[in-house]
Structures are given as structure tokens and as C-alpha cells.
Amino acid sequence: RLEALTKKIAKPAVSFGAKYRIIDFPL
């Protein structure tokens, strides 16, 4: 559902908030 953003990377590796990736939050 994130379309082109996850074409070559896993969803948790998608950028968020200018300097983070989504996986940064649960870790």
C-alpha cells in the first residue's frame, strides 16, 4: 500500500520525520 516507497526496500526502512526510519521507533 506504500507503492513505490517499498518497491526496493522493506516497509520498516521507509523514511519518516526528516531524519528517521519507521523501524527506529520500535527499536
mmCIF file of all heavy atoms, coordinates in Angstrom:
data_MODEL
# 
_entry.id   MODEL 
# 
loop_
_atom_site.group_PDB 
_atom_site.id 
_atom_site.type_symbol 
_atom_site.label_atom_id 
_atom_site.label_alt_id 
_atom_site.label_comp_id 
_atom_site.label_asym_id 
_atom_site.label_entity_id 
_atom_site.label_seq_id 
_atom_site.pdbx_PDB_ins_code 
_atom_site.Cartn_x 
_atom_site.Cartn_y 
_atom_site.Cartn_z 
_atom_site.occupancy 
_atom_site.B_iso_or_equiv 
_atom_site.pdbx_formal_charge 
_atom_site.auth_seq_id 
_atom_site.auth_comp_id 
_atom_site.auth_asym_id 
_atom_site.auth_atom_id 
_atom_site.pdbx_PDB_model_num 
ATOM 1   N N   . ARG A 1 1  ? 0.820  -1.217 0.000   1.00 0.00 ? 1  ARG A N   1 
ATOM 2   C CA  . ARG A 1 1  ? 0.000  0.000  0.000   1.00 0.00 ? 1  ARG A CA  1 
ATOM 3   C C   . ARG A 1 1  ? 0.852  1.265  0.000   1.00 0.00 ? 1  ARG A C   1 
ATOM 4   O O   . ARG A 1 1  ? 0.344  2.353  -0.240  1.00 0.00 ? 1  ARG A O   1 
ATOM 5   C CB  . ARG A 1 1  ? -0.946 -0.003 1.208   1.00 0.00 ? 1  ARG A CB  1 
ATOM 6   C CG  . ARG A 1 1  ? -2.029 -1.082 1.143   1.00 0.00 ? 1  ARG A CG  1 
ATOM 7   C CD  . ARG A 1 1  ? -2.929 -1.019 2.351   1.00 0.00 ? 1  ARG A CD  1 
ATOM 8   N NE  . ARG A 1 1  ? -2.189 -1.270 3.586   1.00 0.00 ? 1  ARG A NE  1 
ATOM 9   C CZ  . ARG A 1 1  ? -2.675 -1.045 4.803   1.00 0.00 ? 1  ARG A CZ  1 
ATOM 10  N NH1 . ARG A 1 1  ? -3.889 -0.559 4.956   1.00 0.00 ? 1  ARG A NH1 1 
ATOM 11  N NH2 . ARG A 1 1  ? -1.936 -1.302 5.874   1.00 0.00 ? 1  ARG A NH2 1 
ATOM 12  N N   . LEU A 1 2  ? 2.159  1.110  0.257   1.00 0.00 ? 2  LEU A N   1 
ATOM 13  C CA  . LEU A 1 2  ? 3.060  2.264  0.160   1.00 0.00 ? 2  LEU A CA  1 
ATOM 14  C C   . LEU A 1 2  ? 3.666  2.384  -1.237  1.00 0.00 ? 2  LEU A C   1 
ATOM 15  O O   . LEU A 1 2  ? 4.558  3.203  -1.477  1.00 0.00 ? 2  LEU A O   1 
ATOM 16  C CB  . LEU A 1 2  ? 4.165  2.170  1.221   1.00 0.00 ? 2  LEU A CB  1 
ATOM 17  C CG  . LEU A 1 2  ? 3.693  2.387  2.660   1.00 0.00 ? 2  LEU A CG  1 
ATOM 18  C CD1 . LEU A 1 2  ? 4.861  2.272  3.630   1.00 0.00 ? 2  LEU A CD1 1 
ATOM 19  C CD2 . LEU A 1 2  ? 3.003  3.722  2.828   1.00 0.00 ? 2  LEU A CD2 1 
ATOM 20  N N   . GLU A 1 3  ? 3.216  1.520  -2.129  1.00 0.00 ? 3  GLU A N   1 
ATOM 21  C CA  . GLU A 1 3  ? 3.519  1.615  -3.555  1.00 0.00 ? 3  GLU A CA  1 
ATOM 22  C C   . GLU A 1 3  ? 5.020  1.743  -3.822  1.00 0.00 ? 3  GLU A C   1 
ATOM 23  O O   . GLU A 1 3  ? 5.805  0.911  -3.386  1.00 0.00 ? 3  GLU A O   1 
ATOM 24  C CB  . GLU A 1 3  ? 2.723  2.783  -4.158  1.00 0.00 ? 3  GLU A CB  1 
ATOM 25  C CG  . GLU A 1 3  ? 1.215  2.663  -3.942  1.00 0.00 ? 3  GLU A CG  1 
ATOM 26  C CD  . GLU A 1 3  ? 0.467  3.897  -4.356  1.00 0.00 ? 3  GLU A CD  1 
ATOM 27  O OE1 . GLU A 1 3  ? 0.848  4.547  -5.339  1.00 0.00 ? 3  GLU A OE1 1 
ATOM 28  O OE2 . GLU A 1 3  ? -0.541 4.232  -3.683  1.00 0.00 ? 3  GLU A OE2 1 
ATOM 29  N N   . ALA A 1 4  ? 5.440  2.802  -4.536  1.00 0.00 ? 4  ALA A N   1 
ATOM 30  C CA  . ALA A 1 4  ? 6.839  2.925  -4.974  1.00 0.00 ? 4  ALA A CA  1 
ATOM 31  C C   . ALA A 1 4  ? 7.814  3.037  -3.809  1.00 0.00 ? 4  ALA A C   1 
ATOM 32  O O   . ALA A 1 4  ? 8.995  2.715  -3.955  1.00 0.00 ? 4  ALA A O   1 
ATOM 33  C CB  . ALA A 1 4  ? 6.990  4.144  -5.886  1.00 0.00 ? 4  ALA A CB  1 
ATOM 34  N N   . LEU A 1 5  ? 7.352  3.459  -2.644  1.00 0.00 ? 5  LEU A N   1 
ATOM 35  C CA  . LEU A 1 5  ? 8.254  3.624  -1.498  1.00 0.00 ? 5  LEU A CA  1 
ATOM 36  C C   . LEU A 1 5  ? 8.832  2.292  -1.040  1.00 0.00 ? 5  LEU A C   1 
ATOM 37  O O   . LEU A 1 5  ? 9.919  2.248  -0.465  1.00 0.00 ? 5  LEU A O   1 
ATOM 38  C CB  . LEU A 1 5  ? 7.530  4.306  -0.331  1.00 0.00 ? 5  LEU A CB  1 
ATOM 39  C CG  . LEU A 1 5  ? 7.047  5.730  -0.564  1.00 0.00 ? 5  LEU A CG  1 
ATOM 40  C CD1 . LEU A 1 5  ? 6.369  6.256  0.691   1.00 0.00 ? 5  LEU A CD1 1 
ATOM 41  C CD2 . LEU A 1 5  ? 8.218  6.644  -0.955  1.00 0.00 ? 5  LEU A CD2 1 
ATOM 42  N N   . THR A 1 6  ? 8.100  1.208  -1.268  1.00 0.00 ? 6  THR A N   1 
ATOM 43  C CA  . THR A 1 6  ? 8.562  -0.107 -0.812  1.00 0.00 ? 6  THR A CA  1 
ATOM 44  C C   . THR A 1 6  ? 8.883  -1.032 -1.992  1.00 0.00 ? 6  THR A C   1 
ATOM 45  O O   . THR A 1 6  ? 8.907  -2.250 -1.844  1.00 0.00 ? 6  THR A O   1 
ATOM 46  C CB  . THR A 1 6  ? 7.501  -0.767 0.081   1.00 0.00 ? 6  THR A CB  1 
ATOM 47  O OG1 . THR A 1 6  ? 6.223  -0.718 -0.576  1.00 0.00 ? 6  THR A OG1 1 
ATOM 48  C CG2 . THR A 1 6  ? 7.395  -0.052 1.413   1.00 0.00 ? 6  THR A CG2 1 
ATOM 49  N N   . LYS A 1 7  ? 9.150  -0.455 -3.140  1.00 0.00 ? 7  LYS A N   1 
ATOM 50  C CA  . LYS A 1 7  ? 9.489  -1.268 -4.307  1.00 0.00 ? 7  LYS A CA  1 
ATOM 51  C C   . LYS A 1 7  ? 10.829 -1.965 -4.130  1.00 0.00 ? 7  LYS A C   1 
ATOM 52  O O   . LYS A 1 7  ? 11.027 -3.096 -4.564  1.00 0.00 ? 7  LYS A O   1 
ATOM 53  C CB  . LYS A 1 7  ? 9.515  -0.390 -5.558  1.00 0.00 ? 7  LYS A CB  1 
ATOM 54  C CG  . LYS A 1 7  ? 9.684  -1.173 -6.854  1.00 0.00 ? 7  LYS A CG  1 
ATOM 55  C CD  . LYS A 1 7  ? 9.574  -0.265 -8.058  1.00 0.00 ? 7  LYS A CD  1 
ATOM 56  C CE  . LYS A 1 7  ? 9.708  -1.044 -9.361  1.00 0.00 ? 7  LYS A CE  1 
ATOM 57  N NZ  . LYS A 1 7  ? 9.600  -0.169 -10.548 1.00 0.00 ? 7  LYS A NZ  1 
ATOM 58  N N   . LYS A 1 8  ? 11.776 -1.289 -3.468  1.00 0.00 ? 8  LYS A N   1 
ATOM 59  C CA  . LYS A 1 8  ? 13.116 -1.846 -3.303  1.00 0.00 ? 8  LYS A CA  1 
ATOM 60  C C   . LYS A 1 8  ? 13.567 -1.937 -1.852  1.00 0.00 ? 8  LYS A C   1 
ATOM 61  O O   . LYS A 1 8  ? 14.672 -2.404 -1.578  1.00 0.00 ? 8  LYS A O   1 
ATOM 62  C CB  . LYS A 1 8  ? 14.125 -1.025 -4.110  1.00 0.00 ? 8  LYS A CB  1 
ATOM 63  C CG  . LYS A 1 8  ? 13.917 -1.106 -5.618  1.00 0.00 ? 8  LYS A CG  1 
ATOM 64  C CD  . LYS A 1 8  ? 15.008 -0.363 -6.372  1.00 0.00 ? 8  LYS A CD  1 
ATOM 65  C CE  . LYS A 1 8  ? 14.814 -0.484 -7.875  1.00 0.00 ? 8  LYS A CE  1 
ATOM 66  N NZ  . LYS A 1 8  ? 15.875 0.235  -8.633  1.00 0.00 ? 8  LYS A NZ  1 
ATOM 67  N N   . ILE A 1 9  ? 12.749 -1.449 -0.917  1.00 0.00 ? 9  ILE A N   1 
ATOM 68  C CA  . ILE A 1 9  ? 13.102 -1.549 0.498   1.00 0.00 ? 9  ILE A CA  1 
ATOM 69  C C   . ILE A 1 9  ? 11.907 -2.042 1.300   1.00 0.00 ? 9  ILE A C   1 
ATOM 70  O O   . ILE A 1 9  ? 10.760 -1.893 0.877   1.00 0.00 ? 9  ILE A O   1 
ATOM 71  C CB  . ILE A 1 9  ? 13.596 -0.200 1.087   1.00 0.00 ? 9  ILE A CB  1 
ATOM 72  C CG1 . ILE A 1 9  ? 12.477 0.859  1.019   1.00 0.00 ? 9  ILE A CG1 1 
ATOM 73  C CG2 . ILE A 1 9  ? 14.853 0.272  0.401   1.00 0.00 ? 9  ILE A CG2 1 
ATOM 74  C CD1 . ILE A 1 9  ? 12.830 2.140  1.759   1.00 0.00 ? 9  ILE A CD1 1 
ATOM 75  N N   . ALA A 1 10 ? 12.176 -2.629 2.448   1.00 0.00 ? 10 ALA A N   1 
ATOM 76  C CA  . ALA A 1 10 ? 11.114 -3.097 3.324   1.00 0.00 ? 10 ALA A CA  1 
ATOM 77  C C   . ALA A 1 10 ? 10.392 -1.906 3.945   1.00 0.00 ? 10 ALA A C   1 
ATOM 78  O O   . ALA A 1 10 ? 10.976 -0.840 4.156   1.00 0.00 ? 10 ALA A O   1 
ATOM 79  C CB  . ALA A 1 10 ? 11.708 -3.981 4.422   1.00 0.00 ? 10 ALA A CB  1 
ATOM 80  N N   . LYS A 1 11 ? 9.115  -2.095 4.268   1.00 0.00 ? 11 LYS A N   1 
ATOM 81  C CA  . LYS A 1 11 ? 8.304  -1.008 4.813   1.00 0.00 ? 11 LYS A CA  1 
ATOM 82  C C   . LYS A 1 11 ? 8.928  -0.376 6.063   1.00 0.00 ? 11 LYS A C   1 
ATOM 83  O O   . LYS A 1 11 ? 8.944  0.852  6.186   1.00 0.00 ? 11 LYS A O   1 
ATOM 84  C CB  . LYS A 1 11 ? 6.891  -1.515 5.105   1.00 0.00 ? 11 LYS A CB  1 
ATOM 85  C CG  . LYS A 1 11 ? 5.962  -0.451 5.670   1.00 0.00 ? 11 LYS A CG  1 
ATOM 86  C CD  . LYS A 1 11 ? 4.501  -0.859 5.610   1.00 0.00 ? 11 LYS A CD  1 
ATOM 87  C CE  . LYS A 1 11 ? 4.190  -2.132 6.331   1.00 0.00 ? 11 LYS A CE  1 
ATOM 88  N NZ  . LYS A 1 11 ? 2.726  -2.376 6.459   1.00 0.00 ? 11 LYS A NZ  1 
ATOM 89  N N   . PRO A 1 12 ? 9.464  -1.146 7.021   1.00 0.00 ? 12 PRO A N   1 
ATOM 90  C CA  . PRO A 1 12 ? 10.048 -0.511 8.204   1.00 0.00 ? 12 PRO A CA  1 
ATOM 91  C C   . PRO A 1 12 ? 11.267 0.358  7.909   1.00 0.00 ? 12 PRO A C   1 
ATOM 92  O O   . PRO A 1 12 ? 11.690 1.146  8.759   1.00 0.00 ? 12 PRO A O   1 
ATOM 93  C CB  . PRO A 1 12 ? 10.437 -1.709 9.085   1.00 0.00 ? 12 PRO A CB  1 
ATOM 94  C CG  . PRO A 1 12 ? 9.532  -2.801 8.648   1.00 0.00 ? 12 PRO A CG  1 
ATOM 95  C CD  . PRO A 1 12 ? 9.404  -2.612 7.169   1.00 0.00 ? 12 PRO A CD  1 
ATOM 96  N N   . ALA A 1 13 ? 11.860 0.220  6.709   1.00 0.00 ? 13 ALA A N   1 
ATOM 97  C CA  . ALA A 1 13 ? 13.033 1.028  6.351   1.00 0.00 ? 13 ALA A CA  1 
ATOM 98  C C   . ALA A 1 13 ? 12.653 2.342  5.677   1.00 0.00 ? 13 ALA A C   1 
ATOM 99  O O   . ALA A 1 13 ? 13.525 3.148  5.348   1.00 0.00 ? 13 ALA A O   1 
ATOM 100 C CB  . ALA A 1 13 ? 13.963 0.234  5.432   1.00 0.00 ? 13 ALA A CB  1 
ATOM 101 N N   . VAL A 1 14 ? 11.359 2.593  5.480   1.00 0.00 ? 14 VAL A N   1 
ATOM 102 C CA  . VAL A 1 14 ? 10.903 3.828  4.835   1.00 0.00 ? 14 VAL A CA  1 
ATOM 103 C C   . VAL A 1 14 ? 11.204 5.030  5.734   1.00 0.00 ? 14 VAL A C   1 
ATOM 104 O O   . VAL A 1 14 ? 11.109 4.950  6.960   1.00 0.00 ? 14 VAL A O   1 
ATOM 105 C CB  . VAL A 1 14 ? 9.397  3.741  4.532   1.00 0.00 ? 14 VAL A CB  1 
ATOM 106 C CG1 . VAL A 1 14 ? 8.826  5.097  4.121   1.00 0.00 ? 14 VAL A CG1 1 
ATOM 107 C CG2 . VAL A 1 14 ? 9.147  2.711  3.438   1.00 0.00 ? 14 VAL A CG2 1 
ATOM 108 N N   . SER A 1 15 ? 11.556 6.152  5.109   1.00 0.00 ? 15 SER A N   1 
ATOM 109 C CA  . SER A 1 15 ? 11.890 7.370  5.846   1.00 0.00 ? 15 SER A CA  1 
ATOM 110 C C   . SER A 1 15 ? 10.680 7.941  6.571   1.00 0.00 ? 15 SER A C   1 
ATOM 111 O O   . SER A 1 15 ? 9.543  7.797  6.122   1.00 0.00 ? 15 SER A O   1 
ATOM 112 C CB  . SER A 1 15 ? 12.441 8.432  4.890   1.00 0.00 ? 15 SER A CB  1 
ATOM 113 O OG  . SER A 1 15 ? 13.616 7.982  4.257   1.00 0.00 ? 15 SER A OG  1 
ATOM 114 N N   . PHE A 1 16 ? 10.980 8.632  7.684   1.00 0.00 ? 16 PHE A N   1 
ATOM 115 C CA  . PHE A 1 16 ? 9.922  9.299  8.440   1.00 0.00 ? 16 PHE A CA  1 
ATOM 116 C C   . PHE A 1 16 ? 10.499 10.481 9.213   1.00 0.00 ? 16 PHE A C   1 
ATOM 117 O O   . PHE A 1 16 ? 11.600 10.392 9.762   1.00 0.00 ? 16 PHE A O   1 
ATOM 118 C CB  . PHE A 1 16 ? 9.247  8.338  9.425   1.00 0.00 ? 16 PHE A CB  1 
ATOM 119 C CG  . PHE A 1 16 ? 8.193  9.017  10.273  1.00 0.00 ? 16 PHE A CG  1 
ATOM 120 C CD1 . PHE A 1 16 ? 6.937  9.253  9.744   1.00 0.00 ? 16 PHE A CD1 1 
ATOM 121 C CD2 . PHE A 1 16 ? 8.474  9.442  11.552  1.00 0.00 ? 16 PHE A CD2 1 
ATOM 122 C CE1 . PHE A 1 16 ? 5.970  9.900  10.503  1.00 0.00 ? 16 PHE A CE1 1 
ATOM 123 C CE2 . PHE A 1 16 ? 7.523  10.092 12.319  1.00 0.00 ? 16 PHE A CE2 1 
ATOM 124 C CZ  . PHE A 1 16 ? 6.261  10.313 11.788  1.00 0.00 ? 16 PHE A CZ  1 
ATOM 125 N N   . GLY A 1 17 ? 9.772  11.582 9.242   1.00 0.00 ? 17 GLY A N   1 
ATOM 126 C CA  . GLY A 1 17 ? 10.124 12.701 10.110  1.00 0.00 ? 17 GLY A CA  1 
ATOM 127 C C   . GLY A 1 17 ? 11.450 13.354 9.812   1.00 0.00 ? 17 GLY A C   1 
ATOM 128 O O   . GLY A 1 17 ? 12.133 13.802 10.735  1.00 0.00 ? 17 GLY A O   1 
ATOM 129 N N   . ALA A 1 18 ? 11.847 13.406 8.543   1.00 0.00 ? 18 ALA A N   1 
ATOM 130 C CA  . ALA A 1 18 ? 13.037 14.128 8.069   1.00 0.00 ? 18 ALA A CA  1 
ATOM 131 C C   . ALA A 1 18 ? 14.360 13.431 8.364   1.00 0.00 ? 18 ALA A C   1 
ATOM 132 O O   . ALA A 1 18 ? 15.298 13.559 7.581   1.00 0.00 ? 18 ALA A O   1 
ATOM 133 C CB  . ALA A 1 18 ? 13.084 15.555 8.627   1.00 0.00 ? 18 ALA A CB  1 
ATOM 134 N N   . LYS A 1 19 ? 14.475 12.679 9.464   1.00 0.00 ? 19 LYS A N   1 
ATOM 135 C CA  . LYS A 1 19 ? 15.777 12.085 9.782   1.00 0.00 ? 19 LYS A CA  1 
ATOM 136 C C   . LYS A 1 19 ? 15.698 10.642 10.264  1.00 0.00 ? 19 LYS A C   1 
ATOM 137 O O   . LYS A 1 19 ? 16.725 10.030 10.548  1.00 0.00 ? 19 LYS A O   1 
ATOM 138 C CB  . LYS A 1 19 ? 16.499 12.936 10.827  1.00 0.00 ? 19 LYS A CB  1 
ATOM 139 C CG  . LYS A 1 19 ? 15.796 13.000 12.176  1.00 0.00 ? 19 LYS A CG  1 
ATOM 140 C CD  . LYS A 1 19 ? 16.653 13.718 13.225  1.00 0.00 ? 19 LYS A CD  1 
ATOM 141 C CE  . LYS A 1 19 ? 17.870 12.918 13.607  1.00 0.00 ? 19 LYS A CE  1 
ATOM 142 N NZ  . LYS A 1 19 ? 18.657 13.542 14.688  1.00 0.00 ? 19 LYS A NZ  1 
ATOM 143 N N   . TYR A 1 20 ? 14.502 10.092 10.363  1.00 0.00 ? 20 TYR A N   1 
ATOM 144 C CA  . TYR A 1 20 ? 14.338 8.747  10.914  1.00 0.00 ? 20 TYR A CA  1 
ATOM 145 C C   . TYR A 1 20 ? 13.879 7.759  9.847   1.00 0.00 ? 20 TYR A C   1 
ATOM 146 O O   . TYR A 1 20 ? 13.564 8.130  8.729   1.00 0.00 ? 20 TYR A O   1 
ATOM 147 C CB  . TYR A 1 20 ? 13.309 8.761  12.052  1.00 0.00 ? 20 TYR A CB  1 
ATOM 148 C CG  . TYR A 1 20 ? 13.668 9.700  13.168  1.00 0.00 ? 20 TYR A CG  1 
ATOM 149 C CD1 . TYR A 1 20 ? 13.064 10.951 13.272  1.00 0.00 ? 20 TYR A CD1 1 
ATOM 150 C CD2 . TYR A 1 20 ? 14.623 9.343  14.120  1.00 0.00 ? 20 TYR A CD2 1 
ATOM 151 C CE1 . TYR A 1 20 ? 13.396 11.821 14.297  1.00 0.00 ? 20 TYR A CE1 1 
ATOM 152 C CE2 . TYR A 1 20 ? 14.964 10.208 15.144  1.00 0.00 ? 20 TYR A CE2 1 
ATOM 153 C CZ  . TYR A 1 20 ? 14.353 11.449 15.230  1.00 0.00 ? 20 TYR A CZ  1 
ATOM 154 O OH  . TYR A 1 20 ? 14.689 12.317 16.233  1.00 0.00 ? 20 TYR A OH  1 
ATOM 155 N N   . ARG A 1 21 ? 13.857 6.490  10.264  1.00 0.00 ? 21 ARG A N   1 
ATOM 156 C CA  . ARG A 1 21 ? 13.155 5.457  9.521   1.00 0.00 ? 21 ARG A CA  1 
ATOM 157 C C   . ARG A 1 21 ? 12.119 4.868  10.465  1.00 0.00 ? 21 ARG A C   1 
ATOM 158 O O   . ARG A 1 21 ? 12.262 4.935  11.692  1.00 0.00 ? 21 ARG A O   1 
ATOM 159 C CB  . ARG A 1 21 ? 14.114 4.377  9.030   1.00 0.00 ? 21 ARG A CB  1 
ATOM 160 C CG  . ARG A 1 21 ? 15.222 4.930  8.125   1.00 0.00 ? 21 ARG A CG  1 
ATOM 161 C CD  . ARG A 1 21 ? 15.865 3.848  7.336   1.00 0.00 ? 21 ARG A CD  1 
ATOM 162 N NE  . ARG A 1 21 ? 17.076 4.306  6.660   1.00 0.00 ? 21 ARG A NE  1 
ATOM 163 C CZ  . ARG A 1 21 ? 17.616 3.683  5.631   1.00 0.00 ? 21 ARG A CZ  1 
ATOM 164 N NH1 . ARG A 1 21 ? 17.061 2.591  5.148   1.00 0.00 ? 21 ARG A NH1 1 
ATOM 165 N NH2 . ARG A 1 21 ? 18.722 4.138  5.068   1.00 0.00 ? 21 ARG A NH2 1 
ATOM 166 N N   . ILE A 1 22 ? 11.085 4.254  9.909   1.00 0.00 ? 22 ILE A N   1 
ATOM 167 C CA  . ILE A 1 22 ? 9.995  3.765  10.748  1.00 0.00 ? 22 ILE A CA  1 
ATOM 168 C C   . ILE A 1 22 ? 10.501 2.794  11.809  1.00 0.00 ? 22 ILE A C   1 
ATOM 169 O O   . ILE A 1 22 ? 10.084 2.832  12.968  1.00 0.00 ? 22 ILE A O   1 
ATOM 170 C CB  . ILE A 1 22 ? 8.910  3.101  9.876   1.00 0.00 ? 22 ILE A CB  1 
ATOM 171 C CG1 . ILE A 1 22 ? 8.299  4.135  8.921   1.00 0.00 ? 22 ILE A CG1 1 
ATOM 172 C CG2 . ILE A 1 22 ? 7.821  2.485  10.740  1.00 0.00 ? 22 ILE A CG2 1 
ATOM 173 C CD1 . ILE A 1 22 ? 7.387  3.531  7.860   1.00 0.00 ? 22 ILE A CD1 1 
ATOM 174 N N   . ILE A 1 23 ? 11.443 1.915  11.442  1.00 0.00 ? 23 ILE A N   1 
ATOM 175 C CA  . ILE A 1 23 ? 11.956 0.911  12.379  1.00 0.00 ? 23 ILE A CA  1 
ATOM 176 C C   . ILE A 1 23 ? 12.653 1.524  13.579  1.00 0.00 ? 23 ILE A C   1 
ATOM 177 O O   . ILE A 1 23 ? 12.775 0.893  14.631  1.00 0.00 ? 23 ILE A O   1 
ATOM 178 C CB  . ILE A 1 23 ? 12.923 -0.069 11.645  1.00 0.00 ? 23 ILE A CB  1 
ATOM 179 C CG1 . ILE A 1 23 ? 13.238 -1.294 12.507  1.00 0.00 ? 23 ILE A CG1 1 
ATOM 180 C CG2 . ILE A 1 23 ? 14.198 0.638  11.222  1.00 0.00 ? 23 ILE A CG2 1 
ATOM 181 C CD1 . ILE A 1 23 ? 12.077 -2.208 12.750  1.00 0.00 ? 23 ILE A CD1 1 
ATOM 182 N N   . ASP A 1 24 ? 13.101 2.790  13.456  1.00 0.00 ? 24 ASP A N   1 
ATOM 183 C CA  . ASP A 1 24 ? 13.766 3.453  14.579  1.00 0.00 ? 24 ASP A CA  1 
ATOM 184 C C   . ASP A 1 24 ? 12.870 3.519  15.812  1.00 0.00 ? 24 ASP A C   1 
ATOM 185 O O   . ASP A 1 24 ? 13.360 3.482  16.946  1.00 0.00 ? 24 ASP A O   1 
ATOM 186 C CB  . ASP A 1 24 ? 14.178 4.878  14.200  1.00 0.00 ? 24 ASP A CB  1 
ATOM 187 C CG  . ASP A 1 24 ? 15.312 4.920  13.195  1.00 0.00 ? 24 ASP A CG  1 
ATOM 188 O OD1 . ASP A 1 24 ? 16.082 3.947  13.136  1.00 0.00 ? 24 ASP A OD1 1 
ATOM 189 O OD2 . ASP A 1 24 ? 15.422 5.927  12.464  1.00 0.00 ? 24 ASP A OD2 1 
ATOM 190 N N   . PHE A 1 25 ? 11.564 3.615  15.607  1.00 0.00 ? 25 PHE A N   1 
ATOM 191 C CA  . PHE A 1 25 ? 10.651 3.806  16.731  1.00 0.00 ? 25 PHE A CA  1 
ATOM 192 C C   . PHE A 1 25 ? 10.489 2.543  17.575  1.00 0.00 ? 25 PHE A C   1 
ATOM 193 O O   . PHE A 1 25 ? 10.699 2.594  18.798  1.00 0.00 ? 25 PHE A O   1 
ATOM 194 C CB  . PHE A 1 25 ? 9.318  4.367  16.229  1.00 0.00 ? 25 PHE A CB  1 
ATOM 195 C CG  . PHE A 1 25 ? 9.423  5.811  15.831  1.00 0.00 ? 25 PHE A CG  1 
ATOM 196 C CD1 . PHE A 1 25 ? 9.957  6.165  14.600  1.00 0.00 ? 25 PHE A CD1 1 
ATOM 197 C CD2 . PHE A 1 25 ? 9.043  6.819  16.697  1.00 0.00 ? 25 PHE A CD2 1 
ATOM 198 C CE1 . PHE A 1 25 ? 10.091 7.500  14.239  1.00 0.00 ? 25 PHE A CE1 1 
ATOM 199 C CE2 . PHE A 1 25 ? 9.177  8.157  16.355  1.00 0.00 ? 25 PHE A CE2 1 
ATOM 200 C CZ  . PHE A 1 25 ? 9.703  8.501  15.116  1.00 0.00 ? 25 PHE A CZ  1 
ATOM 201 N N   . PRO A 1 26 ? 10.130 1.375  17.020  1.00 0.00 ? 26 PRO A N   1 
ATOM 202 C CA  . PRO A 1 26 ? 10.054 0.195  17.887  1.00 0.00 ? 26 PRO A CA  1 
ATOM 203 C C   . PRO A 1 26 ? 11.396 -0.203 18.485  1.00 0.00 ? 26 PRO A C   1 
ATOM 204 O O   . PRO A 1 26 ? 11.454 -0.640 19.642  1.00 0.00 ? 26 PRO A O   1 
ATOM 205 C CB  . PRO A 1 26 ? 9.506  -0.896 16.960  1.00 0.00 ? 26 PRO A CB  1 
ATOM 206 C CG  . PRO A 1 26 ? 9.722  -0.399 15.577  1.00 0.00 ? 26 PRO A CG  1 
ATOM 207 C CD  . PRO A 1 26 ? 9.649  1.080  15.655  1.00 0.00 ? 26 PRO A CD  1 
ATOM 208 N N   . LEU A 1 27 ? 12.486 -0.045 17.728  1.00 0.00 ? 27 LEU A N   1 
ATOM 209 C CA  . LEU A 1 27 ? 13.800 -0.376 18.289  1.00 0.00 ? 27 LEU A CA  1 
ATOM 210 C C   . LEU A 1 27 ? 14.173 0.579  19.416  1.00 0.00 ? 27 LEU A C   1 
ATOM 211 O O   . LEU A 1 27 ? 14.716 0.155  20.449  1.00 0.00 ? 27 LEU A O   1 
ATOM 212 C CB  . LEU A 1 27 ? 14.861 -0.357 17.193  1.00 0.00 ? 27 LEU A CB  1 
ATOM 213 C CG  . LEU A 1 27 ? 14.936 -1.620 16.329  1.00 0.00 ? 27 LEU A CG  1 
ATOM 214 C CD1 . LEU A 1 27 ? 15.831 -1.397 15.115  1.00 0.00 ? 27 LEU A CD1 1 
ATOM 215 C CD2 . LEU A 1 27 ? 15.438 -2.818 17.134  1.00 0.00 ? 27 LEU A CD2 1 
# 
